[in-house]
Amino acid sequence: MNPISWAAIYLMIWWVTFFAILPLWNRTPVEEGTEVIKGNDPGAPITHNLWKKVRINSVVALVVWVFVIVFMYFIHIPLPTIPGA
């Protein structure tokens, strides 16, 4: 398997784990007990901490990616071959 395939697998794992981590650690105005600004959604987070979540997600995705690569090599489960490639 070439490094481009490794990068593609990491990218797919990164996006899946990102959408799993994205809703964590959000505090809404209702939970904080503050007033909801007119025109804002009451379920919208006060601060999103996006860069913190991106950093955490990158580490989580790396751990999952290493597990997948090791699993593929030691259990010998190859990626399906694409006809015509």
Protein backbone atom coordinates (compact mmCIF):
# COMPACT_ATOMS: atom_id res chain seq x y z
CA MET A 1 0.00 0.00 0.00
CA ASN A 2 1.40 3.39 -0.93
CA PRO A 3 1.54 6.56 1.20
CA ILE A 4 -1.27 8.19 -0.79
CA SER A 5 -3.61 5.41 0.33
CA TRP A 6 -2.42 5.87 3.91
CA ALA A 7 -3.15 9.60 3.69
CA ALA A 8 -6.59 8.96 2.19
CA ILE A 9 -7.46 6.55 5.00
CA TYR A 10 -6.27 9.08 7.60
CA LEU A 11 -8.35 11.82 5.99
CA MET A 12 -11.51 9.71 6.04
CA ILE A 13 -10.91 8.72 9.66
CA TRP A 14 -10.21 12.36 10.55
CA TRP A 15 -13.55 13.56 9.17
CA VAL A 16 -15.55 10.80 10.82
CA THR A 17 -13.96 11.42 14.21
CA PHE A 18 -14.28 15.19 13.74
CA PHE A 19 -18.06 14.96 13.42
CA ALA A 20 -18.11 12.72 16.49
CA ILE A 21 -16.03 15.17 18.58
CA LEU A 22 -17.63 18.38 17.29
CA PRO A 23 -20.65 18.44 19.65
CA LEU A 24 -18.58 17.76 22.78
CA TRP A 25 -17.86 20.50 25.35
CA ASN A 26 -20.51 22.90 24.06
CA ARG A 27 -22.27 25.17 26.54
CA THR A 28 -25.45 26.95 25.46
CA PRO A 29 -26.81 30.19 26.94
CA VAL A 30 -29.63 28.19 28.52
CA GLU A 31 -27.14 25.90 30.30
CA GLU A 32 -25.08 28.88 31.44
CA GLY A 33 -28.14 30.73 32.70
CA THR A 34 -27.47 33.79 30.54
CA GLU A 35 -29.92 35.64 28.36
CA VAL A 36 -30.43 34.45 24.81
CA ILE A 37 -29.75 37.29 22.38
CA LYS A 38 -32.73 38.04 20.15
CA GLY A 39 -32.26 36.40 16.76
CA ASN A 40 -29.83 33.74 18.04
CA ASP A 41 -30.67 30.08 18.33
CA PRO A 42 -30.98 29.10 22.01
CA GLY A 43 -29.17 25.82 21.26
CA ALA A 44 -26.16 27.52 19.67
CA PRO A 45 -22.94 27.24 21.72
CA ILE A 46 -21.55 30.31 23.44
CA THR A 47 -18.02 29.48 22.30
CA HIS A 48 -17.25 26.68 19.89
CA ASN A 49 -13.55 26.08 20.75
CA LEU A 50 -13.00 24.84 17.22
CA TRP A 51 -9.19 24.84 17.23
CA LYS A 52 -9.13 22.87 20.48
CA LYS A 53 -11.45 20.31 18.91
CA VAL A 54 -9.32 20.14 15.74
CA ARG A 55 -6.19 19.42 17.80
CA ILE A 56 -7.92 16.78 19.92
CA ASN A 57 -9.48 15.24 16.83
CA SER A 58 -6.13 15.03 15.04
CA VAL A 59 -4.66 13.01 17.91
CA VAL A 60 -7.72 10.76 18.15
CA ALA A 61 -7.73 10.20 14.38
CA LEU A 62 -4.01 9.37 14.45
CA VAL A 63 -4.55 6.73 17.13
CA VAL A 64 -7.46 5.19 15.20
CA TRP A 65 -5.45 5.36 11.94
CA VAL A 66 -2.47 3.55 13.50
CA PHE A 67 -4.85 0.88 14.84
CA VAL A 68 -6.40 0.43 11.36
CA ILE A 69 -3.02 0.21 9.60
CA VAL A 70 -1.65 -2.28 12.14
CA PHE A 71 -4.87 -4.30 11.92
CA MET A 72 -4.61 -4.39 8.12
CA TYR A 73 -0.98 -5.56 8.14
CA PHE A 74 -1.05 -8.07 10.99
CA ILE A 75 -4.51 -9.53 10.41
CA HIS A 76 -3.90 -9.37 6.64
CA ILE A 77 -7.10 -7.64 5.62
CA PRO A 78 -6.18 -5.77 2.43
CA LEU A 79 -8.03 -2.89 0.89
CA PRO A 80 -10.26 -4.00 -1.97
CA THR A 81 -8.61 -3.63 -5.34
CA ILE A 82 -10.19 -1.14 -7.68
CA PRO A 83 -10.68 -2.50 -11.21
CA GLY A 84 -9.05 -0.44 -13.90
CA ALA A 85 -6.73 1.45 -11.55
